Amino acid sequence: MDWSITLYYMIGFFVLIQGVLSLLHVARPYVLRWIELNSARVENSSGSKKPLSIFLIAGAFFFLVGASLPLSEMLFQKRFPELNQSQIFTQLNSSPAFLRSGVDSACLQKLIDDESLTGHTVRALSPRYYESGDGESTAKQGYAPSEVARLVFQGVGSRYGIVILPIAQAPVFFPDAADAIFYTGPDRPYNAWFVWVSKDDRQEFYPSEELSSIGRCAPSQ
């Protein structure tokens, strides 16, 4: 899993711990007071039973905590519903950005079948463009210096992790947290053959340098 997703989980985990500790801190005086008031009753009547309401309240609390996640999934619709490959291609093929690109739809479908490409729908986070020879002081794939000009972003959705689009020029439109569709092959799962991006009613379609170099599905002139 990508480090940014792990970071989000860690933040949520610590927030949850803080909430539980705050709840215990607020409830502590009441618990101590209840113990103080009931200690005498326990001593005087050892055979008496504890109030049933206490167990019911505690059981209801733990039940609500355990049911919160499945209930939230039922109440809130998924931002990226699970789509099959046919639905992903239909969404791409019918988009205005793809239609403007002039790429032949039938040729692209054949390319997907021939190369065994897989489509993904994600939210594209932290996009960065690197010229040839540029990069960060790291060994992480995509961000390390490379002779290949590329766009790099983090995908969150039907697939998590880094996505690399080899492209000669910086994209004119690729905002952070945009919706994206991209296709990858089995041999290089991080490299995208092409990317469709959309945000705030604007869309763009970017073929990779690899797609352009093989001369297939070229835009009509």
Foldseek 3Di string as FASTA:
>chain_A
DDPVVVVVVVVVVVVVVVVVVVVCVVCVVVVVVVCVVCVVVCVVCVPDDDDPVVVVVVVVVVVCVVCVVVVVPVVDDDPADDDAQVVLLVVVCPDPQNVVQQFDSVQVVVVCVVQVKGKDKFFWADKDWDAAQDADPDPDPPRHHHRFTWIWTFTDYRDTGIAIAGDHDDDPDDDGRWIKMFIDGPVDRRYTQKMWTDDPHDIHIGGGPVNVVVPTRHHDD
